[in-house]
Amino acid sequence: MRKNILAVIPAYNEGENIIPVLDSIRKVAPETDILVVDDGSGDNTKKVSLEHGAFVLRLPVNLGYGAALQAGYKYALKNKYKAVVQLDGDGQHDPRDIKALLDKLENEPVD
């Protein structure tokens, strides 16, 4: 079982879209921690993310995709995660790919 893996999901007003993403991650990679970086959303992104088992880092205003990603990676470094996977809150990335990505990382580590 893999441990100490973080899925970072930058999200801006994804309250209606993020639930299937979070539920899918829980289903296919239950050992993975999930961090939703709420990029100043005006909807219920934070609320639904917390309700579906994610940690939430809320940015006070919309700083953009790049800043949300940076915040997520800084969180991962600060909390000493072994690996980070990135997904989008709108379902654009398939959480089923997490296993293949981590398998590749384990079998071909980067120095």
PDB file of N, CA and C in Angstrom:
ATOM      1  N   MET A   1       0.836  -1.184   0.000  1.00  0.00           N
ATOM      2  CA  MET A   1       0.000   0.000   0.000  1.00  0.00           C
ATOM      3  C   MET A   1       0.881   1.248   0.000  1.00  0.00           C
ATOM      4  N   ARG A   2       0.559   2.159  -0.888  1.00  0.00           N
ATOM      5  CA  ARG A   2       1.306   3.412  -0.965  1.00  0.00           C
ATOM      6  C   ARG A   2       0.813   4.358   0.110  1.00  0.00           C
ATOM      7  N   LYS A   3       1.762   5.078   0.674  1.00  0.00           N
ATOM      8  CA  LYS A   3       1.411   6.077   1.677  1.00  0.00           C
ATOM      9  C   LYS A   3       2.156   7.354   1.368  1.00  0.00           C
ATOM     10  N   ASN A   4       1.668   8.408   1.956  1.00  0.00           N
ATOM     11  CA  ASN A   4       2.323   9.697   1.837  1.00  0.00           C
ATOM     12  C   ASN A   4       2.275  10.252   0.409  1.00  0.00           C
ATOM     13  N   ILE A   5       1.137  10.045  -0.243  1.00  0.00           N
ATOM     14  CA  ILE A   5       0.899  10.549  -1.600  1.00  0.00           C
ATOM     15  C   ILE A   5      -0.189  11.613  -1.505  1.00  0.00           C
ATOM     16  N   LEU A   6       0.000  12.705  -2.227  1.00  0.00           N
ATOM     17  CA  LEU A   6      -0.967  13.801  -2.210  1.00  0.00           C
ATOM     18  C   LEU A   6      -1.474  14.084  -3.625  1.00  0.00           C
ATOM     19  N   ALA A   7      -2.776  14.179  -3.759  1.00  0.00           N
ATOM     20  CA  ALA A   7      -3.394  14.647  -5.000  1.00  0.00           C
ATOM     21  C   ALA A   7      -3.722  16.126  -4.805  1.00  0.00           C
ATOM     22  N   VAL A   8      -3.161  16.971  -5.660  1.00  0.00           N
ATOM     23  CA  VAL A   8      -3.411  18.411  -5.608  1.00  0.00           C
ATOM     24  C   VAL A   8      -4.407  18.761  -6.703  1.00  0.00           C
ATOM     25  N   ILE A   9      -5.475  19.447  -6.297  1.00  0.00           N
ATOM     26  CA  ILE A   9      -6.513  19.842  -7.243  1.00  0.00           C
ATOM     27  C   ILE A   9      -6.758  21.339  -7.120  1.00  0.00           C
ATOM     28  N   PRO A  10      -6.216  22.137  -8.052  1.00  0.00           N
ATOM     29  CA  PRO A  10      -6.557  23.556  -8.056  1.00  0.00           C
ATOM     30  C   PRO A  10      -8.011  23.708  -8.519  1.00  0.00           C
ATOM     31  N   ALA A  11      -8.756  24.572  -7.859  1.00  0.00           N
ATOM     32  CA  ALA A  11     -10.177  24.677  -8.198  1.00  0.00           C
ATOM     33  C   ALA A  11     -10.671  26.109  -8.040  1.00  0.00           C
ATOM     34  N   TYR A  12     -11.387  26.560  -9.039  1.00  0.00           N
ATOM     35  CA  TYR A  12     -12.038  27.868  -8.993  1.00  0.00           C
ATOM     36  C   TYR A  12     -13.487  27.679  -9.433  1.00  0.00           C
ATOM     37  N   ASN A  13     -14.403  27.852  -8.498  1.00  0.00           N
ATOM     38  CA  ASN A  13     -15.838  27.687  -8.765  1.00  0.00           C
ATOM     39  C   ASN A  13     -16.149  26.322  -9.392  1.00  0.00           C
ATOM     40  N   GLU A  14     -15.629  25.272  -8.782  1.00  0.00           N
ATOM     41  CA  GLU A  14     -15.847  23.907  -9.270  1.00  0.00           C
ATOM     42  C   GLU A  14     -16.783  23.107  -8.364  1.00  0.00           C
ATOM     43  N   GLY A  15     -17.555  23.785  -7.545  1.00  0.00           N
ATOM     44  CA  GLY A  15     -18.436  23.102  -6.609  1.00  0.00           C
ATOM     45  C   GLY A  15     -19.352  22.073  -7.243  1.00  0.00           C
ATOM     46  N   GLU A  16     -19.833  22.340  -8.436  1.00  0.00           N
ATOM     47  CA  GLU A  16     -20.734  21.406  -9.109  1.00  0.00           C
ATOM     48  C   GLU A  16     -19.994  20.301  -9.845  1.00  0.00           C
ATOM     49  N   ASN A  17     -18.714  20.481 -10.095  1.00  0.00           N
ATOM     50  CA  ASN A  17     -17.955  19.512 -10.897  1.00  0.00           C
ATOM     51  C   ASN A  17     -17.008  18.638 -10.087  1.00  0.00           C
ATOM     52  N   ILE A  18     -16.608  19.093  -8.922  1.00  0.00           N
ATOM     53  CA  ILE A  18     -15.510  18.454  -8.208  1.00  0.00           C
ATOM     54  C   ILE A  18     -15.909  17.170  -7.467  1.00  0.00           C
ATOM     55  N   ILE A  19     -17.177  17.025  -7.127  1.00  0.00           N
ATOM     56  CA  ILE A  19     -17.602  15.854  -6.354  1.00  0.00           C
ATOM     57  C   ILE A  19     -17.247  14.538  -7.048  1.00  0.00           C
ATOM     58  N   PRO A  20     -17.555  14.350  -8.331  1.00  0.00           N
ATOM     59  CA  PRO A  20     -17.189  13.081  -8.969  1.00  0.00           C
ATOM     60  C   PRO A  20     -15.671  12.851  -8.998  1.00  0.00           C
ATOM     61  N   VAL A  21     -14.903  13.929  -9.093  1.00  0.00           N
ATOM     62  CA  VAL A  21     -13.440  13.806  -9.090  1.00  0.00           C
ATOM     63  C   VAL A  21     -12.976  13.294  -7.728  1.00  0.00           C
ATOM     64  N   LEU A  22     -13.453  13.909  -6.667  1.00  0.00           N
ATOM     65  CA  LEU A  22     -13.059  13.503  -5.317  1.00  0.00           C
ATOM     66  C   LEU A  22     -13.500  12.071  -5.023  1.00  0.00           C
ATOM     67  N   ASP A  23     -14.734  11.742  -5.380  1.00  0.00           N
ATOM     68  CA  ASP A  23     -15.241  10.395  -5.134  1.00  0.00           C
ATOM     69  C   ASP A  23     -14.459   9.355  -5.924  1.00  0.00           C
ATOM     70  N   SER A  24     -14.079   9.694  -7.137  1.00  0.00           N
ATOM     71  CA  SER A  24     -13.303   8.760  -7.957  1.00  0.00           C
ATOM     72  C   SER A  24     -11.905   8.530  -7.384  1.00  0.00           C
ATOM     73  N   ILE A  25     -11.278   9.589  -6.903  1.00  0.00           N
ATOM     74  CA  ILE A  25      -9.960   9.427  -6.277  1.00  0.00           C
ATOM     75  C   ILE A  25     -10.080   8.516  -5.064  1.00  0.00           C
ATOM     76  N   ARG A  26     -11.075   8.739  -4.248  1.00  0.00           N
ATOM     77  CA  ARG A  26     -11.288   7.904  -3.054  1.00  0.00           C
ATOM     78  C   ARG A  26     -11.473   6.435  -3.448  1.00  0.00           C
ATOM     79  N   LYS A  27     -12.156   6.212  -4.561  1.00  0.00           N
ATOM     80  CA  LYS A  27     -12.436   4.844  -5.010  1.00  0.00           C
ATOM     81  C   LYS A  27     -11.188   4.148  -5.544  1.00  0.00           C
ATOM     82  N   VAL A  28     -10.420   4.828  -6.400  1.00  0.00           N
ATOM     83  CA  VAL A  28      -9.292   4.178  -7.072  1.00  0.00           C
ATOM     84  C   VAL A  28      -7.971   4.299  -6.326  1.00  0.00           C
ATOM     85  N   ALA A  29      -7.861   5.283  -5.436  1.00  0.00           N
ATOM     86  CA  ALA A  29      -6.611   5.494  -4.692  1.00  0.00           C
ATOM     87  C   ALA A  29      -6.940   5.925  -3.268  1.00  0.00           C
ATOM     88  N   PRO A  30      -7.573   5.051  -2.489  1.00  0.00           N
ATOM     89  CA  PRO A  30      -8.053   5.451  -1.163  1.00  0.00           C
ATOM     90  C   PRO A  30      -6.957   5.872  -0.192  1.00  0.00           C
ATOM     91  N   GLU A  31      -5.728   5.464  -0.447  1.00  0.00           N
ATOM     92  CA  GLU A  31      -4.617   5.828   0.434  1.00  0.00           C
ATOM     93  C   GLU A  31      -4.058   7.219   0.134  1.00  0.00           C
ATOM     94  N   THR A  32      -4.528   7.835  -0.912  1.00  0.00           N
ATOM     95  CA  THR A  32      -4.033   9.135  -1.339  1.00  0.00           C
ATOM     96  C   THR A  32      -4.756  10.259  -0.604  1.00  0.00           C
ATOM     97  N   ASP A  33      -3.987  11.155   0.004  1.00  0.00           N
ATOM     98  CA  ASP A  33      -4.575  12.366   0.576  1.00  0.00           C
ATOM     99  C   ASP A  33      -4.948  13.305  -0.564  1.00  0.00           C
ATOM    100  N   ILE A  34      -5.981  14.083  -0.369  1.00  0.00           N
ATOM    101  CA  ILE A  34      -6.440  15.020  -1.400  1.00  0.00           C
ATOM    102  C   ILE A  34      -6.417  16.430  -0.835  1.00  0.00           C
ATOM    103  N   LEU A  35      -5.792  17.331  -1.589  1.00  0.00           N
ATOM    104  CA  LEU A  35      -5.789  18.746  -1.246  1.00  0.00           C
ATOM    105  C   LEU A  35      -6.453  19.524  -2.370  1.00  0.00           C
ATOM    106  N   VAL A  36      -7.555  20.162  -2.069  1.00  0.00           N
ATOM    107  CA  VAL A  36      -8.187  21.072  -3.018  1.00  0.00           C
ATOM    108  C   VAL A  36      -7.687  22.468  -2.680  1.00  0.00           C
ATOM    109  N   VAL A  37      -7.084  23.116  -3.653  1.00  0.00           N
ATOM    110  CA  VAL A  37      -6.657  24.500  -3.477  1.00  0.00           C
ATOM    111  C   VAL A  37      -7.772  25.361  -4.060  1.00  0.00           C
ATOM    112  N   ASP A  38      -8.601  25.883  -3.173  1.00  0.00           N
ATOM    113  CA  ASP A  38      -9.738  26.710  -3.568  1.00  0.00           C
ATOM    114  C   ASP A  38      -9.218  28.108  -3.871  1.00  0.00           C
ATOM    115  N   ASP A  39      -9.202  28.437  -5.137  1.00  0.00           N
ATOM    116  CA  ASP A  39      -8.593  29.670  -5.619  1.00  0.00           C
ATOM    117  C   ASP A  39      -9.565  30.853  -5.565  1.00  0.00           C
ATOM    118  N   GLY A  40     -10.055  31.135  -4.351  1.00  0.00           N
ATOM    119  CA  GLY A  40     -10.941  32.283  -4.170  1.00  0.00           C
ATOM    120  C   GLY A  40     -12.322  32.089  -4.763  1.00  0.00           C
ATOM    121  N   SER A  41     -12.809  30.868  -4.787  1.00  0.00           N
ATOM    122  CA  SER A  41     -14.115  30.576  -5.376  1.00  0.00           C
ATOM    123  C   SER A  41     -15.237  31.345  -4.695  1.00  0.00           C
ATOM    124  N   GLY A  42     -16.259  31.649  -5.470  1.00  0.00           N
ATOM    125  CA  GLY A  42     -17.449  32.302  -4.942  1.00  0.00           C
ATOM    126  C   GLY A  42     -18.599  31.329  -4.762  1.00  0.00           C
ATOM    127  N   ASP A  43     -18.335  30.048  -4.983  1.00  0.00           N
ATOM    128  CA  ASP A  43     -19.380  29.044  -4.829  1.00  0.00           C
ATOM    129  C   ASP A  43     -19.079  28.140  -3.638  1.00  0.00           C
ATOM    130  N   ASN A  44     -19.584  26.937  -3.658  1.00  0.00           N
ATOM    131  CA  ASN A  44     -19.443  26.015  -2.533  1.00  0.00           C
ATOM    132  C   ASN A  44     -18.297  25.016  -2.697  1.00  0.00           C
ATOM    133  N   THR A  45     -17.286  25.363  -3.463  1.00  0.00           N
ATOM    134  CA  THR A  45     -16.154  24.465  -3.693  1.00  0.00           C
ATOM    135  C   THR A  45     -15.542  23.980  -2.381  1.00  0.00           C
ATOM    136  N   LYS A  46     -15.289  24.895  -1.468  1.00  0.00           N
ATOM    137  CA  LYS A  46     -14.673  24.522  -0.187  1.00  0.00           C
ATOM    138  C   LYS A  46     -15.579  23.560   0.581  1.00  0.00           C
ATOM    139  N   LYS A  47     -16.836  23.896   0.691  1.00  0.00           N
ATOM    140  CA  LYS A  47     -17.785  23.092   1.470  1.00  0.00           C
ATOM    141  C   LYS A  47     -17.887  21.667   0.936  1.00  0.00           C
ATOM    142  N   VAL A  48     -18.114  21.519  -0.356  1.00  0.00           N
ATOM    143  CA  VAL A  48     -18.283  20.164  -0.901  1.00  0.00           C
ATOM    144  C   VAL A  48     -16.974  19.382  -0.862  1.00  0.00           C
ATOM    145  N   SER A  49     -15.850  20.065  -1.007  1.00  0.00           N
ATOM    146  CA  SER A  49     -14.561  19.385  -0.936  1.00  0.00           C
ATOM    147  C   SER A  49     -14.330  18.807   0.459  1.00  0.00           C
ATOM    148  N   LEU A  50     -14.620  19.597   1.472  1.00  0.00           N
ATOM    149  CA  LEU A  50     -14.492  19.113   2.850  1.00  0.00           C
ATOM    150  C   LEU A  50     -15.461  17.960   3.119  1.00  0.00           C
ATOM    151  N   GLU A  51     -16.677  18.083   2.618  1.00  0.00           N
ATOM    152  CA  GLU A  51     -17.681  17.034   2.813  1.00  0.00           C
ATOM    153  C   GLU A  51     -17.286  15.717   2.151  1.00  0.00           C
ATOM    154  N   HIS A  52     -16.447  15.801   1.132  1.00  0.00           N
ATOM    155  CA  HIS A  52     -16.030  14.600   0.398  1.00  0.00           C
ATOM    156  C   HIS A  52     -14.602  14.186   0.738  1.00  0.00           C
ATOM    157  N   GLY A  53     -14.140  14.593   1.924  1.00  0.00           N
ATOM    158  CA  GLY A  53     -12.909  14.055   2.478  1.00  0.00           C
ATOM    159  C   GLY A  53     -11.612  14.709   2.069  1.00  0.00           C
ATOM    160  N   ALA A  54     -11.665  15.860   1.438  1.00  0.00           N
ATOM    161  CA  ALA A  54     -10.436  16.540   1.021  1.00  0.00           C
ATOM    162  C   ALA A  54      -9.993  17.543   2.084  1.00  0.00           C
ATOM    163  N   PHE A  55      -8.693  17.784   2.120  1.00  0.00           N
ATOM    164  CA  PHE A  55      -8.177  18.944   2.829  1.00  0.00           C
ATOM    165  C   PHE A  55      -8.408  20.121   1.896  1.00  0.00           C
ATOM    166  N   VAL A  56      -8.615  21.301   2.443  1.00  0.00           N
ATOM    167  CA  VAL A  56      -8.813  22.479   1.601  1.00  0.00           C
ATOM    168  C   VAL A  56      -7.875  23.587   2.033  1.00  0.00           C
ATOM    169  N   LEU A  57      -7.160  24.127   1.069  1.00  0.00           N
ATOM    170  CA  LEU A  57      -6.342  25.315   1.256  1.00  0.00           C
ATOM    171  C   LEU A  57      -7.052  26.413   0.469  1.00  0.00           C
ATOM    172  N   ARG A  58      -7.604  27.382   1.169  1.00  0.00           N
ATOM    173  CA  ARG A  58      -8.376  28.426   0.495  1.00  0.00           C
ATOM    174  C   ARG A  58      -7.540  29.674   0.313  1.00  0.00           C
ATOM    175  N   LEU A  59      -7.384  30.089  -0.940  1.00  0.00           N
ATOM    176  CA  LEU A  59      -6.705  31.339  -1.246  1.00  0.00           C
ATOM    177  C   LEU A  59      -7.733  32.468  -1.098  1.00  0.00           C
ATOM    178  N   PRO A  60      -7.330  33.609  -0.550  1.00  0.00           N
ATOM    179  CA  PRO A  60      -8.298  34.668  -0.232  1.00  0.00           C
ATOM    180  C   PRO A  60      -8.936  35.332  -1.450  1.00  0.00           C
ATOM    181  N   VAL A  61      -8.238  35.319  -2.570  1.00  0.00           N
ATOM    182  CA  VAL A  61      -8.761  35.870  -3.820  1.00  0.00           C
ATOM    183  C   VAL A  61      -8.299  34.956  -4.949  1.00  0.00           C
ATOM    184  N   ASN A  62      -8.912  35.105  -6.096  1.00  0.00           N
ATOM    185  CA  ASN A  62      -8.517  34.307  -7.253  1.00  0.00           C
ATOM    186  C   ASN A  62      -7.152  34.767  -7.752  1.00  0.00           C
ATOM    187  N   LEU A  63      -6.155  33.906  -7.576  1.00  0.00           N
ATOM    188  CA  LEU A  63      -4.783  34.222  -7.982  1.00  0.00           C
ATOM    189  C   LEU A  63      -4.390  33.539  -9.280  1.00  0.00           C
ATOM    190  N   GLY A  64      -5.235  32.646  -9.775  1.00  0.00           N
ATOM    191  CA  GLY A  64      -4.968  31.963 -11.027  1.00  0.00           C
ATOM    192  C   GLY A  64      -4.442  30.550 -10.815  1.00  0.00           C
ATOM    193  N   TYR A  65      -4.504  29.800 -11.902  1.00  0.00           N
ATOM    194  CA  TYR A  65      -4.148  28.379 -11.903  1.00  0.00           C
ATOM    195  C   TYR A  65      -2.717  28.132 -11.415  1.00  0.00           C
ATOM    196  N   GLY A  66      -1.774  28.895 -11.929  1.00  0.00           N
ATOM    197  CA  GLY A  66      -0.370  28.710 -11.555  1.00  0.00           C
ATOM    198  C   GLY A  66      -0.125  28.944 -10.068  1.00  0.00           C
ATOM    199  N   ALA A  67      -0.714  29.982  -9.526  1.00  0.00           N
ATOM    200  CA  ALA A  67      -0.540  30.272  -8.102  1.00  0.00           C
ATOM    201  C   ALA A  67      -1.195  29.194  -7.247  1.00  0.00           C
ATOM    202  N   ALA A  68      -2.343  28.691  -7.685  1.00  0.00           N
ATOM    203  CA  ALA A  68      -3.008  27.618  -6.938  1.00  0.00           C
ATOM    204  C   ALA A  68      -2.143  26.360  -6.938  1.00  0.00           C
ATOM    205  N   LEU A  69      -1.546  26.051  -8.075  1.00  0.00           N
ATOM    206  CA  LEU A  69      -0.644  24.887  -8.133  1.00  0.00           C
ATOM    207  C   LEU A  69       0.556  25.086  -7.223  1.00  0.00           C
ATOM    208  N   GLN A  70       1.151  26.256  -7.282  1.00  0.00           N
ATOM    209  CA  GLN A  70       2.312  26.534  -6.419  1.00  0.00           C
ATOM    210  C   GLN A  70       1.948  26.371  -4.948  1.00  0.00           C
ATOM    211  N   ALA A  71       0.792  26.853  -4.568  1.00  0.00           N
ATOM    212  CA  ALA A  71       0.350  26.715  -3.177  1.00  0.00           C
ATOM    213  C   ALA A  71       0.220  25.237  -2.811  1.00  0.00           C
ATOM    214  N   GLY A  72      -0.318  24.439  -3.725  1.00  0.00           N
ATOM    215  CA  GLY A  72      -0.462  23.007  -3.476  1.00  0.00           C
ATOM    216  C   GLY A  72       0.875  22.302  -3.343  1.00  0.00           C
ATOM    217  N   TYR A  73       1.822  22.647  -4.201  1.00  0.00           N
ATOM    218  CA  TYR A  73       3.153  22.022  -4.134  1.00  0.00           C
ATOM    219  C   TYR A  73       3.895  22.460  -2.869  1.00  0.00           C
ATOM    220  N   LYS A  74       3.733  23.704  -2.477  1.00  0.00           N
ATOM    221  CA  LYS A  74       4.353  24.171  -1.222  1.00  0.00           C
ATOM    222  C   LYS A  74       3.762  23.424  -0.030  1.00  0.00           C
ATOM    223  N   TYR A  75       2.463  23.193  -0.058  1.00  0.00           N
ATOM    224  CA  TYR A  75       1.812  22.418   0.989  1.00  0.00           C
ATOM    225  C   TYR A  75       2.411  21.010   1.044  1.00  0.00           C
ATOM    226  N   ALA A  76       2.599  20.400  -0.125  1.00  0.00           N
ATOM    227  CA  ALA A  76       3.163  19.047  -0.185  1.00  0.00           C
ATOM    228  C   ALA A  76       4.579  19.015   0.374  1.00  0.00           C
ATOM    229  N   LEU A  77       5.387  19.991   0.015  1.00  0.00           N
ATOM    230  CA  LEU A  77       6.762  20.054   0.532  1.00  0.00           C
ATOM    231  C   LEU A  77       6.771  20.253   2.042  1.00  0.00           C
ATOM    232  N   LYS A  78       5.969  21.185   2.508  1.00  0.00           N
ATOM    233  CA  LYS A  78       5.915  21.481   3.938  1.00  0.00           C
ATOM    234  C   LYS A  78       5.487  20.258   4.749  1.00  0.00           C
ATOM    235  N   ASN A  79       4.599  19.461   4.171  1.00  0.00           N
ATOM    236  CA  ASN A  79       4.071  18.296   4.867  1.00  0.00           C
ATOM    237  C   ASN A  79       4.778  16.996   4.486  1.00  0.00           C
ATOM    238  N   LYS A  80       5.892  17.135   3.773  1.00  0.00           N
ATOM    239  CA  LYS A  80       6.799  16.024   3.464  1.00  0.00           C
ATOM    240  C   LYS A  80       6.143  14.846   2.745  1.00  0.00           C
ATOM    241  N   TYR A  81       5.306  15.152   1.766  1.00  0.00           N
ATOM    242  CA  TYR A  81       4.727  14.085   0.948  1.00  0.00           C
ATOM    243  C   TYR A  81       5.800  13.484   0.058  1.00  0.00           C
ATOM    244  N   LYS A  82       5.717  12.196  -0.154  1.00  0.00           N
ATOM    245  CA  LYS A  82       6.693  11.470  -0.966  1.00  0.00           C
ATOM    246  C   LYS A  82       6.471  11.719  -2.463  1.00  0.00           C
ATOM    247  N   ALA A  83       5.211  11.873  -2.848  1.00  0.00           N
ATOM    248  CA  ALA A  83       4.881  12.106  -4.257  1.00  0.00           C
ATOM    249  C   ALA A  83       3.602  12.938  -4.335  1.00  0.00           C
ATOM    250  N   VAL A  84       3.473  13.657  -5.437  1.00  0.00           N
ATOM    251  CA  VAL A  84       2.302  14.494  -5.683  1.00  0.00           C
ATOM    252  C   VAL A  84       1.765  14.189  -7.069  1.00  0.00           C
ATOM    253  N   VAL A  85       0.465  14.034  -7.159  1.00  0.00           N
ATOM    254  CA  VAL A  85      -0.197  13.937  -8.458  1.00  0.00           C
ATOM    255  C   VAL A  85      -1.121  15.135  -8.566  1.00  0.00           C
ATOM    256  N   GLN A  86      -1.285  15.615  -9.767  1.00  0.00           N
ATOM    257  CA  GLN A  86      -2.097  16.806 -10.004  1.00  0.00           C
ATOM    258  C   GLN A  86      -3.283  16.435 -10.881  1.00  0.00           C
ATOM    259  N   LEU A  87      -4.448  16.856 -10.468  1.00  0.00           N
ATOM    260  CA  LEU A  87      -5.663  16.663 -11.249  1.00  0.00           C
ATOM    261  C   LEU A  87      -6.419  17.974 -11.285  1.00  0.00           C
ATOM    262  N   ASP A  88      -7.285  18.136 -12.253  1.00  0.00           N
ATOM    263  CA  ASP A  88      -8.115  19.330 -12.319  1.00  0.00           C
ATOM    264  C   ASP A  88      -9.485  19.050 -11.709  1.00  0.00           C
ATOM    265  N   GLY A  89     -10.091  20.079 -11.159  1.00  0.00           N
ATOM    266  CA  GLY A  89     -11.366  19.950 -10.474  1.00  0.00           C
ATOM    267  C   GLY A  89     -12.554  19.765 -11.384  1.00  0.00           C
ATOM    268  N   ASP A  90     -12.351  19.929 -12.690  1.00  0.00           N
ATOM    269  CA  ASP A  90     -13.472  19.813 -13.618  1.00  0.00           C
ATOM    270  C   ASP A  90     -13.608  18.425 -14.226  1.00  0.00           C
ATOM    271  N   GLY A  91     -12.774  17.480 -13.785  1.00  0.00           N
ATOM    272  CA  GLY A  91     -12.869  16.116 -14.301  1.00  0.00           C
ATOM    273  C   GLY A  91     -12.071  15.860 -15.557  1.00  0.00           C
ATOM    274  N   GLN A  92     -11.268  16.818 -15.965  1.00  0.00           N
ATOM    275  CA  GLN A  92     -10.481  16.692 -17.190  1.00  0.00           C
ATOM    276  C   GLN A  92      -9.445  15.570 -17.122  1.00  0.00           C
ATOM    277  N   HIS A  93      -8.919  15.298 -15.919  1.00  0.00           N
ATOM    278  CA  HIS A  93      -7.957  14.216 -15.739  1.00  0.00           C
ATOM    279  C   HIS A  93      -8.653  13.036 -15.093  1.00  0.00           C
ATOM    280  N   ASP A  94      -8.324  11.838 -15.536  1.00  0.00           N
ATOM    281  CA  ASP A  94      -8.969  10.629 -15.036  1.00  0.00           C
ATOM    282  C   ASP A  94      -8.219  10.108 -13.809  1.00  0.00           C
ATOM    283  N   PRO A  95      -8.855  10.108 -12.645  1.00  0.00           N
ATOM    284  CA  PRO A  95      -8.189   9.602 -11.445  1.00  0.00           C
ATOM    285  C   PRO A  95      -7.712   8.155 -11.564  1.00  0.00           C
ATOM    286  N   ARG A  96      -8.287   7.391 -12.485  1.00  0.00           N
ATOM    287  CA  ARG A  96      -7.830   6.010 -12.681  1.00  0.00           C
ATOM    288  C   ARG A  96      -6.385   5.958 -13.156  1.00  0.00           C
ATOM    289  N   ASP A  97      -5.865   7.067 -13.645  1.00  0.00           N
ATOM    290  CA  ASP A  97      -4.478   7.113 -14.107  1.00  0.00           C
ATOM    291  C   ASP A  97      -3.475   7.272 -12.963  1.00  0.00           C
ATOM    292  N   ILE A  98      -3.950   7.540 -11.767  1.00  0.00           N
ATOM    293  CA  ILE A  98      -3.050   7.735 -10.627  1.00  0.00           C
ATOM    294  C   ILE A  98      -2.182   6.507 -10.404  1.00  0.00           C
ATOM    295  N   LYS A  99      -2.779   5.331 -10.419  1.00  0.00           N
ATOM    296  CA  LYS A  99      -2.023   4.101 -10.175  1.00  0.00           C
ATOM    297  C   LYS A  99      -0.906   3.923 -11.196  1.00  0.00           C
ATOM    298  N   ALA A 100      -1.204   4.099 -12.473  1.00  0.00           N
ATOM    299  CA  ALA A 100      -0.186   3.939 -13.517  1.00  0.00           C
ATOM    300  C   ALA A 100       0.942   4.951 -13.343  1.00  0.00           C
ATOM    301  N   LEU A 101       0.591   6.170 -12.998  1.00  0.00           N
ATOM    302  CA  LEU A 101       1.598   7.207 -12.792  1.00  0.00           C
ATOM    303  C   LEU A 101       2.518   6.851 -11.627  1.00  0.00           C
ATOM    304  N   LEU A 102       1.933   6.419 -10.526  1.00  0.00           N
ATOM    305  CA  LEU A 102       2.742   6.061  -9.358  1.00  0.00           C
ATOM    306  C   LEU A 102       3.565   4.800  -9.601  1.00  0.00           C
ATOM    307  N   ASP A 103       3.006   3.842 -10.344  1.00  0.00           N
ATOM    308  CA  ASP A 103       3.776   2.645 -10.709  1.00  0.00           C
ATOM    309  C   ASP A 103       5.008   3.032 -11.513  1.00  0.00           C
ATOM    310  N   LYS A 104       4.829   3.920 -12.462  1.00  0.00           N
ATOM    311  CA  LYS A 104       5.939   4.386 -13.294  1.00  0.00           C
ATOM    312  C   LYS A 104       6.992   5.085 -12.430  1.00  0.00           C
ATOM    313  N   LEU A 105       6.556   5.910 -11.526  1.00  0.00           N
ATOM    314  CA  LEU A 105       7.461   6.632 -10.643  1.00  0.00           C
ATOM    315  C   LEU A 105       8.269   5.667  -9.769  1.00  0.00           C
ATOM    316  N   GLU A 106       7.609   4.628  -9.259  1.00  0.00           N
ATOM    317  CA  GLU A 106       8.292   3.653  -8.409  1.00  0.00           C
ATOM    318  C   GLU A 106       9.290   2.815  -9.200  1.00  0.00           C
ATOM    319  N   ASN A 107       8.950   2.487 -10.444  1.00  0.00           N
ATOM    320  CA  ASN A 107       9.818   1.617 -11.253  1.00  0.00           C
ATOM    321  C   ASN A 107      10.917   2.365 -11.981  1.00  0.00           C
ATOM    322  N   GLU A 108      10.742   3.658 -12.174  1.00  0.00           N
ATOM    323  CA  GLU A 108      11.752   4.465 -12.851  1.00  0.00           C
ATOM    324  C   GLU A 108      11.945   5.772 -12.081  1.00  0.00           C
ATOM    325  N   PRO A 109      12.508   5.679 -10.873  1.00  0.00           N
ATOM    326  CA  PRO A 109      12.651   6.889 -10.062  1.00  0.00           C
ATOM    327  C   PRO A 109      13.589   7.921 -10.708  1.00  0.00           C
ATOM    328  N   VAL A 110      13.284   9.165 -10.447  1.00  0.00           N
ATOM    329  CA  VAL A 110      14.091  10.262 -10.944  1.00  0.00           C
ATOM    330  C   VAL A 110      15.121  10.603  -9.869  1.00  0.00           C
ATOM    331  N   ASP A 111      16.354  10.749 -10.270  1.00  0.00           N
ATOM    332  CA  ASP A 111      17.408  11.104  -9.312  1.00  0.00           C
ATOM    333  C   ASP A 111      17.431  12.584  -9.048  1.00  0.00           C
TER     334      ASP A 111
END
